[in-house]
Amino acid sequence: MSGGFDLVRPLPGAGFGGILRLQDAAGAAAMVAAAERAPEDLPRALAACGGVLLLPGMQAMAERPELLLRLSRLFGPEVENYRETGMAPNMVHPEVPEIFVVSNIPPVLRAPPPLPEPPLTAEGRLPVQYPHRRGWHTDQSYRRPPPDVSLFLGVEPVPQGQGQTLFADATAAYAALPEATKRRIEGLEGLHVGSSAKRRRQDVLAGETPRPLRPHERPQRQPVVRLHPVTGRPALYLCEYGQMDWLEGPFLGLEPGPTGEGAALLDELMAHVTRPEFVYVHEWTPGDLVIWDNRCTLHAATWFDAERLRRVMWRTTVSGNPGPAYAGEARSWLAVA
């Protein structure tokens, strides 16, 4: 690579992804400076690796958060300012508003996902496949245009064996679909909505009354098969329980609701894209920076013992190249004054 980087791929135990290090240098400041000198290298590496890139040894970003912001800017023209987009103030970094704080300690107090039931597979392994594993999604799919890339820094991760992040290769999963399924989903659109709208599958099954939605909260159509604007490769673009509209969706043109034809298809596709051969399990080490492409991957968080362990993670979200299908669109997710 032109900037003096070493790229090793795939990620351990996976069929995609890569680990990026800087030759003959260490530390976050040197990495960011080298990346800025060769600004195409990291985005090119992310695309070549199928959408997941690990940069270990970035601990200094915890003391110098502007380094995370500088690196984020290489992946697109806009890094989201969470103070301007309605994020709860306790979840925004006090000095760098482009950083979303994911933590179980005050003032954030974000609880981890529950343990799967049963907590291990029949082979004694960590569950990754839906529906045993829940929570699979791609960031902010309920927005049009949706974001491109997320960067996630392990400031204070929990010890390995808990609190993993799982990634699914939605490009390889699409390629492995039966031809009949590819034909069935060609041109199909999913209906995505924020999880607070009370349109989640469990809300509808429980008979919850959906709350009225403001214009910028309305469900958004997204292609089930999305062409990546950089690689040109098709990938599955969908989520499960929390970010699909289970009143009018999950898919337009199919029987709606949590038990209809659309639900059956979503269950089939989610079970397929999260098959173990398409999944990478990341065990966190302090200072790990994982970069993922929301246009061609899904991810999920796992349980950790929040009663005994502290966890602090920082995320940035980068936008600007969702693809020609979104060209010229106003942002659905900004309230009109």
C-alpha atoms as a PDB file:
ATOM      1  CA  MET A   1       0.000   0.000   0.000  1.00  0.00           C
ATOM      2  CA  SER A   2       1.253   3.468  -0.856  1.00  0.00           C
ATOM      3  CA  GLY A   3       1.218   4.849   2.677  1.00  0.00           C
ATOM      4  CA  GLY A   4       3.490   2.196   4.154  1.00  0.00           C
ATOM      5  CA  PHE A   5       0.731   0.054   5.622  1.00  0.00           C
ATOM      6  CA  ASP A   6       0.665  -3.698   6.094  1.00  0.00           C
ATOM      7  CA  LEU A   7      -2.694  -5.335   5.382  1.00  0.00           C
ATOM      8  CA  VAL A   8      -3.295  -8.928   6.461  1.00  0.00           C
ATOM      9  CA  ARG A   9      -6.509 -10.604   5.385  1.00  0.00           C
ATOM     10  CA  PRO A  10      -8.878 -12.177   6.158  1.00  0.00           C
ATOM     11  CA  LEU A  11      -9.581 -11.630   9.843  1.00  0.00           C
ATOM     12  CA  PRO A  12      -8.809 -14.642  12.065  1.00  0.00           C
ATOM     13  CA  GLY A  13     -11.466 -17.320  11.770  1.00  0.00           C
ATOM     14  CA  ALA A  14     -13.366 -15.430   9.064  1.00  0.00           C
ATOM     15  CA  GLY A  15     -13.632 -15.347   5.301  1.00  0.00           C
ATOM     16  CA  PHE A  16     -13.449 -11.557   5.017  1.00  0.00           C
ATOM     17  CA  GLY A  17     -12.028  -8.484   6.718  1.00  0.00           C
ATOM     18  CA  GLY A  18      -8.459  -7.472   7.385  1.00  0.00           C
ATOM     19  CA  ILE A  19      -5.965  -6.164   9.938  1.00  0.00           C
ATOM     20  CA  LEU A  20      -4.142  -2.948   9.067  1.00  0.00           C
ATOM     21  CA  ARG A  21      -0.890  -1.844  10.692  1.00  0.00           C
ATOM     22  CA  LEU A  22       1.658   0.832   9.903  1.00  0.00           C
ATOM     23  CA  GLN A  23       5.095  -0.400   8.882  1.00  0.00           C
ATOM     24  CA  ASP A  24       7.976   0.558  11.198  1.00  0.00           C
ATOM     25  CA  ALA A  25       5.799   2.694  13.473  1.00  0.00           C
ATOM     26  CA  ALA A  26       3.268   2.309  16.242  1.00  0.00           C
ATOM     27  CA  GLY A  27       0.549   4.338  17.863  1.00  0.00           C
ATOM     28  CA  ALA A  28      -2.530   6.246  16.880  1.00  0.00           C
ATOM     29  CA  ALA A  29      -0.848   9.565  16.052  1.00  0.00           C
ATOM     30  CA  ALA A  30       1.537   7.922  13.570  1.00  0.00           C
ATOM     31  CA  MET A  31      -1.313   5.906  12.035  1.00  0.00           C
ATOM     32  CA  VAL A  32      -3.506   8.969  11.525  1.00  0.00           C
ATOM     33  CA  ALA A  33      -0.661  11.040  10.096  1.00  0.00           C
ATOM     34  CA  ALA A  34       0.258   8.295   7.624  1.00  0.00           C
ATOM     35  CA  ALA A  35      -3.387   7.815   6.636  1.00  0.00           C
ATOM     36  CA  GLU A  36      -3.777  11.531   5.985  1.00  0.00           C
ATOM     37  CA  ARG A  37      -0.695  11.480   3.739  1.00  0.00           C
ATOM     38  CA  ALA A  38      -2.268   8.665   1.687  1.00  0.00           C
ATOM     39  CA  PRO A  39      -5.992   9.396   2.129  1.00  0.00           C
ATOM     40  CA  GLU A  40      -7.199   6.759  -0.342  1.00  0.00           C
ATOM     41  CA  ASP A  41      -5.404   3.850   1.330  1.00  0.00           C
ATOM     42  CA  LEU A  42      -7.737   3.110   4.239  1.00  0.00           C
ATOM     43  CA  PRO A  43     -11.006   3.431   2.277  1.00  0.00           C
ATOM     44  CA  ARG A  44      -9.471   1.255  -0.445  1.00  0.00           C
ATOM     45  CA  ALA A  45      -8.435  -1.341   2.142  1.00  0.00           C
ATOM     46  CA  LEU A  46     -11.917  -1.361   3.661  1.00  0.00           C
ATOM     47  CA  ALA A  47     -13.466  -2.065   0.270  1.00  0.00           C
ATOM     48  CA  ALA A  48     -10.889  -4.743  -0.570  1.00  0.00           C
ATOM     49  CA  CYS A  49     -11.553  -6.507   2.737  1.00  0.00           C
ATOM     50  CA  GLY A  50     -15.296  -6.808   2.307  1.00  0.00           C
ATOM     51  CA  GLY A  51     -16.229  -4.075   4.739  1.00  0.00           C
ATOM     52  CA  VAL A  52     -14.470  -4.776   8.067  1.00  0.00           C
ATOM     53  CA  LEU A  53     -11.038  -3.432   8.990  1.00  0.00           C
ATOM     54  CA  LEU A  54      -9.234  -3.780  12.350  1.00  0.00           C
ATOM     55  CA  LEU A  55      -6.610  -1.259  13.452  1.00  0.00           C
ATOM     56  CA  PRO A  56      -5.062  -2.506  16.712  1.00  0.00           C
ATOM     57  CA  GLY A  57      -3.045  -0.346  19.105  1.00  0.00           C
ATOM     58  CA  MET A  58      -5.078   2.850  18.890  1.00  0.00           C
ATOM     59  CA  GLN A  59      -5.155   3.419  22.682  1.00  0.00           C
ATOM     60  CA  ALA A  60      -3.908   7.002  22.371  1.00  0.00           C
ATOM     61  CA  MET A  61      -7.223   7.994  20.792  1.00  0.00           C
ATOM     62  CA  ALA A  62      -8.812   7.685  24.227  1.00  0.00           C
ATOM     63  CA  GLU A  63      -6.638  10.584  25.395  1.00  0.00           C
ATOM     64  CA  ARG A  64      -6.702  12.422  22.061  1.00  0.00           C
ATOM     65  CA  PRO A  65     -10.223  11.948  20.668  1.00  0.00           C
ATOM     66  CA  GLU A  66      -9.501  14.349  17.819  1.00  0.00           C
ATOM     67  CA  LEU A  67      -7.382  11.553  16.313  1.00  0.00           C
ATOM     68  CA  LEU A  68     -10.498   9.411  15.933  1.00  0.00           C
ATOM     69  CA  LEU A  69     -12.297  12.306  14.298  1.00  0.00           C
ATOM     70  CA  ARG A  70      -9.425  12.955  11.877  1.00  0.00           C
ATOM     71  CA  LEU A  71      -9.312   9.307  10.847  1.00  0.00           C
ATOM     72  CA  SER A  72     -13.088   9.203  10.431  1.00  0.00           C
ATOM     73  CA  ARG A  73     -12.979  12.106   7.969  1.00  0.00           C
ATOM     74  CA  LEU A  74     -10.970   9.979   5.539  1.00  0.00           C
ATOM     75  CA  PHE A  75     -13.991   7.726   4.949  1.00  0.00           C
ATOM     76  CA  GLY A  76     -16.427  10.367   3.760  1.00  0.00           C
ATOM     77  CA  PRO A  77     -17.255  14.057   3.588  1.00  0.00           C
ATOM     78  CA  GLU A  78     -19.492  14.148   6.665  1.00  0.00           C
ATOM     79  CA  VAL A  79     -18.953  12.847  10.194  1.00  0.00           C
ATOM     80  CA  GLU A  80     -22.213  13.050  12.115  1.00  0.00           C
ATOM     81  CA  ASN A  81     -22.412  15.664  14.856  1.00  0.00           C
ATOM     82  CA  TYR A  82     -24.643  13.945  17.409  1.00  0.00           C
ATOM     83  CA  ARG A  83     -25.569  17.171  19.176  1.00  0.00           C
ATOM     84  CA  GLU A  84     -27.245  18.315  15.961  1.00  0.00           C
ATOM     85  CA  THR A  85     -29.127  15.094  15.195  1.00  0.00           C
ATOM     86  CA  GLY A  86     -31.106  14.491  18.363  1.00  0.00           C
ATOM     87  CA  MET A  87     -28.893  12.080  20.293  1.00  0.00           C
ATOM     88  CA  ALA A  88     -29.484  12.103  24.068  1.00  0.00           C
ATOM     89  CA  PRO A  89     -26.870  14.464  25.553  1.00  0.00           C
ATOM     90  CA  ASN A  90     -25.595  11.871  28.031  1.00  0.00           C
ATOM     91  CA  MET A  91     -24.513   9.666  25.111  1.00  0.00           C
ATOM     92  CA  VAL A  92     -22.455  12.333  23.329  1.00  0.00           C
ATOM     93  CA  HIS A  93     -18.773  12.913  24.075  1.00  0.00           C
ATOM     94  CA  PRO A  94     -18.537  16.135  26.108  1.00  0.00           C
ATOM     95  CA  GLU A  95     -15.725  17.619  23.994  1.00  0.00           C
ATOM     96  CA  VAL A  96     -16.087  15.992  20.572  1.00  0.00           C
ATOM     97  CA  PRO A  97     -19.779  15.905  19.567  1.00  0.00           C
ATOM     98  CA  GLU A  98     -19.017  13.621  16.621  1.00  0.00           C
ATOM     99  CA  ILE A  99     -18.358  10.790  19.101  1.00  0.00           C
ATOM    100  CA  PHE A 100     -21.266   8.647  20.317  1.00  0.00           C
ATOM    101  CA  VAL A 101     -20.429   7.019  23.666  1.00  0.00           C
ATOM    102  CA  VAL A 102     -21.592   3.419  24.229  1.00  0.00           C
ATOM    103  CA  SER A 103     -21.118   2.558  27.889  1.00  0.00           C
ATOM    104  CA  ASN A 104     -22.769   0.916  30.877  1.00  0.00           C
ATOM    105  CA  ILE A 105     -21.391   3.463  33.365  1.00  0.00           C
ATOM    106  CA  PRO A 106     -22.730   6.941  34.250  1.00  0.00           C
ATOM    107  CA  PRO A 107     -23.800   9.148  32.637  1.00  0.00           C
ATOM    108  CA  VAL A 108     -24.571   6.815  29.725  1.00  0.00           C
ATOM    109  CA  LEU A 109     -25.883   3.732  31.583  1.00  0.00           C
ATOM    110  CA  ARG A 110     -26.588   1.702  28.450  1.00  0.00           C
ATOM    111  CA  ALA A 111     -27.502  -1.892  29.270  1.00  0.00           C
ATOM    112  CA  PRO A 112     -26.002  -4.766  27.253  1.00  0.00           C
ATOM    113  CA  PRO A 113     -28.174  -7.094  25.175  1.00  0.00           C
ATOM    114  CA  PRO A 114     -29.535 -10.144  27.005  1.00  0.00           C
ATOM    115  CA  LEU A 115     -27.898 -13.528  26.880  1.00  0.00           C
ATOM    116  CA  PRO A 116     -29.232 -15.795  24.134  1.00  0.00           C
ATOM    117  CA  GLU A 117     -31.392 -18.696  25.243  1.00  0.00           C
ATOM    118  CA  PRO A 118     -29.630 -21.102  25.525  1.00  0.00           C
ATOM    119  CA  PRO A 119     -26.397 -19.117  26.067  1.00  0.00           C
ATOM    120  CA  LEU A 120     -24.331 -21.516  23.923  1.00  0.00           C
ATOM    121  CA  THR A 121     -24.956 -23.586  20.823  1.00  0.00           C
ATOM    122  CA  ALA A 122     -25.353 -27.354  21.020  1.00  0.00           C
ATOM    123  CA  GLU A 123     -21.611 -27.540  20.210  1.00  0.00           C
ATOM    124  CA  GLY A 124     -20.765 -25.236  23.127  1.00  0.00           C
ATOM    125  CA  ARG A 125     -19.964 -22.247  20.915  1.00  0.00           C
ATOM    126  CA  LEU A 126     -20.995 -18.617  20.957  1.00  0.00           C
ATOM    127  CA  PRO A 127     -24.294 -18.292  19.064  1.00  0.00           C
ATOM    128  CA  VAL A 128     -24.064 -16.118  15.961  1.00  0.00           C
ATOM    129  CA  GLN A 129     -26.914 -17.269  13.726  1.00  0.00           C
ATOM    130  CA  TYR A 130     -30.379 -15.736  13.798  1.00  0.00           C
ATOM    131  CA  PRO A 131     -32.806 -16.426  15.479  1.00  0.00           C
ATOM    132  CA  HIS A 132     -30.626 -17.870  18.258  1.00  0.00           C
ATOM    133  CA  ARG A 133     -28.661 -14.610  18.066  1.00  0.00           C
ATOM    134  CA  ARG A 134     -30.802 -11.478  18.041  1.00  0.00           C
ATOM    135  CA  GLY A 135     -29.896  -7.849  17.447  1.00  0.00           C
ATOM    136  CA  TRP A 136     -28.431  -8.042  13.939  1.00  0.00           C
ATOM    137  CA  HIS A 137     -28.642  -4.695  12.145  1.00  0.00           C
ATOM    138  CA  THR A 138     -26.831  -2.123  10.052  1.00  0.00           C
ATOM    139  CA  ASP A 139     -26.468   1.325  11.561  1.00  0.00           C
ATOM    140  CA  GLN A 140     -29.307   3.803  11.096  1.00  0.00           C
ATOM    141  CA  SER A 141     -31.004   1.902   8.291  1.00  0.00           C
ATOM    142  CA  TYR A 142     -34.154   3.875   9.134  1.00  0.00           C
ATOM    143  CA  ARG A 143     -32.601   6.956   7.502  1.00  0.00           C
ATOM    144  CA  ARG A 144     -32.529   7.958   3.861  1.00  0.00           C
ATOM    145  CA  PRO A 145     -29.797   8.328   2.859  1.00  0.00           C
ATOM    146  CA  PRO A 146     -28.362   5.867   5.369  1.00  0.00           C
ATOM    147  CA  PRO A 147     -24.769   6.248   6.609  1.00  0.00           C
ATOM    148  CA  ASP A 148     -21.773   4.675   4.924  1.00  0.00           C
ATOM    149  CA  VAL A 149     -19.168   3.733   7.508  1.00  0.00           C
ATOM    150  CA  SER A 150     -18.905   3.386  11.301  1.00  0.00           C
ATOM    151  CA  LEU A 151     -15.729   3.471  13.394  1.00  0.00           C
ATOM    152  CA  PHE A 152     -15.795   1.844  16.842  1.00  0.00           C
ATOM    153  CA  LEU A 153     -12.986   2.305  19.374  1.00  0.00           C
ATOM    154  CA  GLY A 154     -12.423  -0.003  22.335  1.00  0.00           C
ATOM    155  CA  VAL A 155     -11.627   2.627  24.990  1.00  0.00           C
ATOM    156  CA  GLU A 156     -12.362   0.256  27.875  1.00  0.00           C
ATOM    157  CA  PRO A 157     -13.699  -3.041  26.544  1.00  0.00           C
ATOM    158  CA  VAL A 158     -14.632  -5.903  28.819  1.00  0.00           C
ATOM    159  CA  PRO A 159     -12.324  -8.957  29.032  1.00  0.00           C
ATOM    160  CA  GLN A 160     -12.446 -11.327  26.090  1.00  0.00           C
ATOM    161  CA  GLY A 161     -15.171 -13.956  26.229  1.00  0.00           C
ATOM    162  CA  GLN A 162     -17.885 -11.326  26.731  1.00  0.00           C
ATOM    163  CA  GLY A 163     -18.946  -8.135  24.982  1.00  0.00           C
ATOM    164  CA  GLN A 164     -17.931  -9.281  21.510  1.00  0.00           C
ATOM    165  CA  THR A 165     -19.066  -7.598  18.317  1.00  0.00           C
ATOM    166  CA  LEU A 166     -20.233  -9.875  15.513  1.00  0.00           C
ATOM    167  CA  PHE A 167     -20.019  -8.974  11.819  1.00  0.00           C
ATOM    168  CA  ALA A 168     -21.736 -10.650   8.877  1.00  0.00           C
ATOM    169  CA  ASP A 169     -20.489 -10.461   5.282  1.00  0.00           C
ATOM    170  CA  ALA A 170     -23.668  -9.511   3.429  1.00  0.00           C
ATOM    171  CA  THR A 171     -21.907  -9.585   0.050  1.00  0.00           C
ATOM    172  CA  ALA A 172     -20.801 -13.202   0.351  1.00  0.00           C
ATOM    173  CA  ALA A 173     -24.184 -14.108   1.803  1.00  0.00           C
ATOM    174  CA  TYR A 174     -25.992 -12.648  -1.206  1.00  0.00           C
ATOM    175  CA  ALA A 175     -23.690 -14.470  -3.618  1.00  0.00           C
ATOM    176  CA  ALA A 176     -24.475 -17.780  -1.881  1.00  0.00           C
ATOM    177  CA  LEU A 177     -28.262 -17.422  -2.133  1.00  0.00           C
ATOM    178  CA  PRO A 178     -30.131 -19.870  -4.360  1.00  0.00           C
ATOM    179  CA  GLU A 179     -30.922 -18.368  -7.750  1.00  0.00           C
ATOM    180  CA  ALA A 180     -34.651 -18.678  -7.042  1.00  0.00           C
ATOM    181  CA  THR A 181     -34.269 -16.539  -3.921  1.00  0.00           C
ATOM    182  CA  LYS A 182     -32.218 -13.954  -5.810  1.00  0.00           C
ATOM    183  CA  ARG A 183     -35.019 -13.675  -8.346  1.00  0.00           C
ATOM    184  CA  ARG A 184     -37.607 -13.394  -5.596  1.00  0.00           C
ATOM    185  CA  ILE A 185     -35.892 -10.487  -3.859  1.00  0.00           C
ATOM    186  CA  GLU A 186     -34.798  -8.614  -6.983  1.00  0.00           C
ATOM    187  CA  GLY A 187     -36.246  -5.113  -6.704  1.00  0.00           C
ATOM    188  CA  LEU A 188     -37.791  -5.837  -3.291  1.00  0.00           C
ATOM    189  CA  GLU A 189     -37.753  -3.065  -0.705  1.00  0.00           C
ATOM    190  CA  GLY A 190     -37.707  -3.295   3.062  1.00  0.00           C
ATOM    191  CA  LEU A 191     -39.421  -0.820   5.350  1.00  0.00           C
ATOM    192  CA  HIS A 192     -37.130   0.403   8.135  1.00  0.00           C
ATOM    193  CA  VAL A 193     -38.027   2.476  11.193  1.00  0.00           C
ATOM    194  CA  GLY A 194     -36.394   3.519  14.460  1.00  0.00           C
ATOM    195  CA  SER A 195     -36.784   1.139  17.379  1.00  0.00           C
ATOM    196  CA  SER A 196     -38.504   3.763  19.559  1.00  0.00           C
ATOM    197  CA  ALA A 197     -41.533   3.931  17.229  1.00  0.00           C
ATOM    198  CA  LYS A 198     -43.173   0.867  18.849  1.00  0.00           C
ATOM    199  CA  ARG A 199     -43.346  -0.868  15.488  1.00  0.00           C
ATOM    200  CA  ARG A 200     -40.881  -3.604  16.420  1.00  0.00           C
ATOM    201  CA  ARG A 201     -41.914  -7.207  15.971  1.00  0.00           C
ATOM    202  CA  GLN A 202     -42.218  -7.802  19.699  1.00  0.00           C
ATOM    203  CA  ASP A 203     -44.282  -4.610  20.129  1.00  0.00           C
ATOM    204  CA  VAL A 204     -46.778  -5.656  17.463  1.00  0.00           C
ATOM    205  CA  LEU A 205     -47.001  -9.204  18.794  1.00  0.00           C
ATOM    206  CA  ALA A 206     -47.667  -7.800  22.278  1.00  0.00           C
ATOM    207  CA  GLY A 207     -50.456  -5.529  20.990  1.00  0.00           C
ATOM    208  CA  GLU A 208     -48.618  -2.308  21.846  1.00  0.00           C
ATOM    209  CA  THR A 209     -50.122   0.878  20.452  1.00  0.00           C
ATOM    210  CA  PRO A 210     -47.617   2.487  18.069  1.00  0.00           C
ATOM    211  CA  ARG A 211     -46.912   6.080  18.896  1.00  0.00           C
ATOM    212  CA  PRO A 212     -47.606   8.829  16.364  1.00  0.00           C
ATOM    213  CA  LEU A 213     -44.524   9.560  14.287  1.00  0.00           C
ATOM    214  CA  ARG A 214     -43.236  12.991  13.397  1.00  0.00           C
ATOM    215  CA  PRO A 215     -42.344  13.508   9.728  1.00  0.00           C
ATOM    216  CA  HIS A 216     -38.622  12.859  10.240  1.00  0.00           C
ATOM    217  CA  GLU A 217     -39.368   9.579  12.058  1.00  0.00           C
ATOM    218  CA  ARG A 218     -41.476   7.962   9.341  1.00  0.00           C
ATOM    219  CA  PRO A 219     -40.522   4.514   7.997  1.00  0.00           C
ATOM    220  CA  GLN A 220     -38.068   4.557   5.111  1.00  0.00           C
ATOM    221  CA  ARG A 221     -37.840   2.240   2.100  1.00  0.00           C
ATOM    222  CA  GLN A 222     -34.495   0.557   1.477  1.00  0.00           C
ATOM    223  CA  PRO A 223     -33.485  -1.952  -1.208  1.00  0.00           C
ATOM    224  CA  VAL A 224     -33.118  -5.509   0.078  1.00  0.00           C
ATOM    225  CA  VAL A 225     -30.310  -6.011  -2.441  1.00  0.00           C
ATOM    226  CA  ARG A 226     -28.036  -2.994  -2.378  1.00  0.00           C
ATOM    227  CA  LEU A 227     -25.305  -2.323  -4.925  1.00  0.00           C
ATOM    228  CA  HIS A 228     -22.179  -1.049  -3.227  1.00  0.00           C
ATOM    229  CA  PRO A 229     -21.272   2.346  -4.737  1.00  0.00           C
ATOM    230  CA  VAL A 230     -17.525   1.627  -4.592  1.00  0.00           C
ATOM    231  CA  THR A 231     -17.196  -2.072  -5.447  1.00  0.00           C
ATOM    232  CA  GLY A 232     -20.377  -2.421  -7.507  1.00  0.00           C
ATOM    233  CA  ARG A 233     -21.098  -5.726  -5.772  1.00  0.00           C
ATOM    234  CA  PRO A 234     -24.608  -6.612  -4.521  1.00  0.00           C
ATOM    235  CA  ALA A 235     -25.176  -7.230  -0.814  1.00  0.00           C
ATOM    236  CA  LEU A 236     -28.145  -7.986   1.387  1.00  0.00           C
ATOM    237  CA  TYR A 237     -29.325  -4.866   3.194  1.00  0.00           C
ATOM    238  CA  LEU A 238     -31.741  -5.644   6.009  1.00  0.00           C
ATOM    239  CA  CYS A 239     -32.099  -5.842   9.772  1.00  0.00           C
ATOM    240  CA  GLU A 240     -34.188  -7.960  12.087  1.00  0.00           C
ATOM    241  CA  TYR A 241     -36.549  -7.210  14.950  1.00  0.00           C
ATOM    242  CA  GLY A 242     -35.550  -3.709  16.025  1.00  0.00           C
ATOM    243  CA  GLN A 243     -35.260  -1.652  12.828  1.00  0.00           C
ATOM    244  CA  MET A 244     -37.933  -3.067  10.523  1.00  0.00           C
ATOM    245  CA  ASP A 245     -41.506  -1.783  10.429  1.00  0.00           C
ATOM    246  CA  TRP A 246     -43.701  -4.692  11.529  1.00  0.00           C
ATOM    247  CA  LEU A 247     -46.985  -2.853  10.883  1.00  0.00           C
ATOM    248  CA  GLU A 248     -46.666  -1.965   7.202  1.00  0.00           C
ATOM    249  CA  GLY A 249     -43.632  -4.177   6.510  1.00  0.00           C
ATOM    250  CA  PRO A 250     -41.127  -5.692   6.823  1.00  0.00           C
ATOM    251  CA  PHE A 251     -41.220  -5.830   2.996  1.00  0.00           C
ATOM    252  CA  LEU A 252     -43.314  -3.738   0.658  1.00  0.00           C
ATOM    253  CA  GLY A 253     -45.622  -5.744  -1.572  1.00  0.00           C
ATOM    254  CA  LEU A 254     -45.613  -8.826   0.669  1.00  0.00           C
ATOM    255  CA  GLU A 255     -48.093  -9.688   3.397  1.00  0.00           C
ATOM    256  CA  PRO A 256     -47.189  -7.391   6.319  1.00  0.00           C
ATOM    257  CA  GLY A 257     -47.036  -8.073  10.026  1.00  0.00           C
ATOM    258  CA  PRO A 258     -45.031 -10.272  12.383  1.00  0.00           C
ATOM    259  CA  THR A 259     -46.476 -13.588  11.177  1.00  0.00           C
ATOM    260  CA  GLY A 260     -47.128 -12.973   7.486  1.00  0.00           C
ATOM    261  CA  GLU A 261     -45.339 -13.764   4.235  1.00  0.00           C
ATOM    262  CA  GLY A 262     -42.910 -10.897   4.704  1.00  0.00           C
ATOM    263  CA  ALA A 263     -41.973 -12.089   8.178  1.00  0.00           C
ATOM    264  CA  ALA A 264     -41.248 -15.582   6.881  1.00  0.00           C
ATOM    265  CA  LEU A 265     -38.971 -14.206   4.173  1.00  0.00           C
ATOM    266  CA  LEU A 266     -37.118 -11.963   6.593  1.00  0.00           C
ATOM    267  CA  ASP A 267     -36.534 -14.901   8.935  1.00  0.00           C
ATOM    268  CA  GLU A 268     -35.196 -16.934   6.007  1.00  0.00           C
ATOM    269  CA  LEU A 269     -32.830 -14.192   4.850  1.00  0.00           C
ATOM    270  CA  MET A 270     -31.606 -13.336   8.352  1.00  0.00           C
ATOM    271  CA  ALA A 271     -30.849 -16.975   9.119  1.00  0.00           C
ATOM    272  CA  HIS A 272     -28.909 -17.153   5.857  1.00  0.00           C
ATOM    273  CA  VAL A 273     -26.801 -13.988   6.178  1.00  0.00           C
ATOM    274  CA  THR A 274     -25.786 -14.869   9.761  1.00  0.00           C
ATOM    275  CA  ARG A 275     -24.657 -18.412   9.017  1.00  0.00           C
ATOM    276  CA  PRO A 276     -21.318 -19.023  10.799  1.00  0.00           C
ATOM    277  CA  GLU A 277     -19.341 -19.131   7.547  1.00  0.00           C
ATOM    278  CA  PHE A 278     -20.317 -15.506   6.869  1.00  0.00           C
ATOM    279  CA  VAL A 279     -19.621 -14.225  10.418  1.00  0.00           C
ATOM    280  CA  TYR A 280     -16.561 -12.779  12.153  1.00  0.00           C
ATOM    281  CA  VAL A 281     -16.495 -12.632  15.970  1.00  0.00           C
ATOM    282  CA  HIS A 282     -14.380  -9.775  17.301  1.00  0.00           C
ATOM    283  CA  GLU A 283     -12.916 -10.244  20.766  1.00  0.00           C
ATOM    284  CA  TRP A 284     -11.957  -6.791  21.968  1.00  0.00           C
ATOM    285  CA  THR A 285      -8.544  -5.662  23.198  1.00  0.00           C
ATOM    286  CA  PRO A 286      -8.090  -2.125  24.588  1.00  0.00           C
ATOM    287  CA  GLY A 287      -7.191   0.209  21.749  1.00  0.00           C
ATOM    288  CA  ASP A 288      -8.795  -1.848  18.993  1.00  0.00           C
ATOM    289  CA  LEU A 289     -10.418   0.309  16.340  1.00  0.00           C
ATOM    290  CA  VAL A 290     -12.860  -1.585  14.130  1.00  0.00           C
ATOM    291  CA  ILE A 291     -14.125   0.112  10.985  1.00  0.00           C
ATOM    292  CA  TRP A 292     -17.116  -1.350   9.178  1.00  0.00           C
ATOM    293  CA  ASP A 293     -19.062  -0.558   6.048  1.00  0.00           C
ATOM    294  CA  ASN A 294     -22.800  -0.396   6.707  1.00  0.00           C
ATOM    295  CA  ARG A 295     -23.519  -0.756   2.998  1.00  0.00           C
ATOM    296  CA  CYS A 296     -22.342  -4.379   2.902  1.00  0.00           C
ATOM    297  CA  THR A 297     -22.190  -5.750   6.459  1.00  0.00           C
ATOM    298  CA  LEU A 298     -24.481  -6.415   9.418  1.00  0.00           C
ATOM    299  CA  HIS A 299     -23.353  -6.468  13.030  1.00  0.00           C
ATOM    300  CA  ALA A 300     -24.618  -7.409  16.483  1.00  0.00           C
ATOM    301  CA  ALA A 301     -23.486  -6.883  20.068  1.00  0.00           C
ATOM    302  CA  THR A 302     -23.231  -9.627  22.677  1.00  0.00           C
ATOM    303  CA  TRP A 303     -23.924  -9.803  26.399  1.00  0.00           C
ATOM    304  CA  PHE A 304     -21.445  -8.906  29.124  1.00  0.00           C
ATOM    305  CA  ASP A 305     -21.712  -8.876  32.911  1.00  0.00           C
ATOM    306  CA  ALA A 306     -22.624  -5.234  33.394  1.00  0.00           C
ATOM    307  CA  GLU A 307     -23.020  -5.707  37.157  1.00  0.00           C
ATOM    308  CA  ARG A 308     -19.300  -6.399  37.546  1.00  0.00           C
ATOM    309  CA  LEU A 309     -17.600  -4.976  34.468  1.00  0.00           C
ATOM    310  CA  ARG A 310     -17.119  -1.510  33.000  1.00  0.00           C
ATOM    311  CA  ARG A 311     -17.333  -0.963  29.241  1.00  0.00           C
ATOM    312  CA  VAL A 312     -16.630   2.266  27.347  1.00  0.00           C
ATOM    313  CA  MET A 313     -16.679   2.362  23.537  1.00  0.00           C
ATOM    314  CA  TRP A 314     -16.689   5.324  21.143  1.00  0.00           C
ATOM    315  CA  ARG A 315     -18.371   5.408  17.733  1.00  0.00           C
ATOM    316  CA  THR A 316     -18.305   7.816  14.850  1.00  0.00           C
ATOM    317  CA  THR A 317     -20.600   7.638  11.823  1.00  0.00           C
ATOM    318  CA  VAL A 318     -19.533   8.754   8.346  1.00  0.00           C
ATOM    319  CA  SER A 319     -21.811   9.597   5.397  1.00  0.00           C
ATOM    320  CA  GLY A 320     -21.567  10.917   1.893  1.00  0.00           C
ATOM    321  CA  ASN A 321     -21.596   8.080  -0.642  1.00  0.00           C
ATOM    322  CA  PRO A 322     -24.778   6.001  -0.288  1.00  0.00           C
ATOM    323  CA  GLY A 323     -24.981   5.327  -4.031  1.00  0.00           C
ATOM    324  CA  PRO A 324     -26.810   6.790  -7.031  1.00  0.00           C
ATOM    325  CA  ALA A 325     -30.214   5.521  -5.873  1.00  0.00           C
ATOM    326  CA  TYR A 326     -30.122   8.212  -3.175  1.00  0.00           C
ATOM    327  CA  ALA A 327     -28.789  11.041  -5.333  1.00  0.00           C
ATOM    328  CA  GLY A 328     -30.216  14.440  -4.496  1.00  0.00           C
ATOM    329  CA  GLU A 329     -32.380  13.254  -1.606  1.00  0.00           C
ATOM    330  CA  ALA A 330     -33.013  15.475   1.374  1.00  0.00           C
ATOM    331  CA  ARG A 331     -32.168  13.878   4.681  1.00  0.00           C
ATOM    332  CA  SER A 332     -35.255  12.120   5.954  1.00  0.00           C
ATOM    333  CA  TRP A 333     -34.000  12.137   9.524  1.00  0.00           C
ATOM    334  CA  LEU A 334     -33.626  15.869  10.143  1.00  0.00           C
ATOM    335  CA  ALA A 335     -36.606  17.672  11.634  1.00  0.00           C
ATOM    336  CA  VAL A 336     -37.778  20.641   9.620  1.00  0.00           C
ATOM    337  CA  ALA A 337     -37.850  23.774  11.744  1.00  0.00           C
END
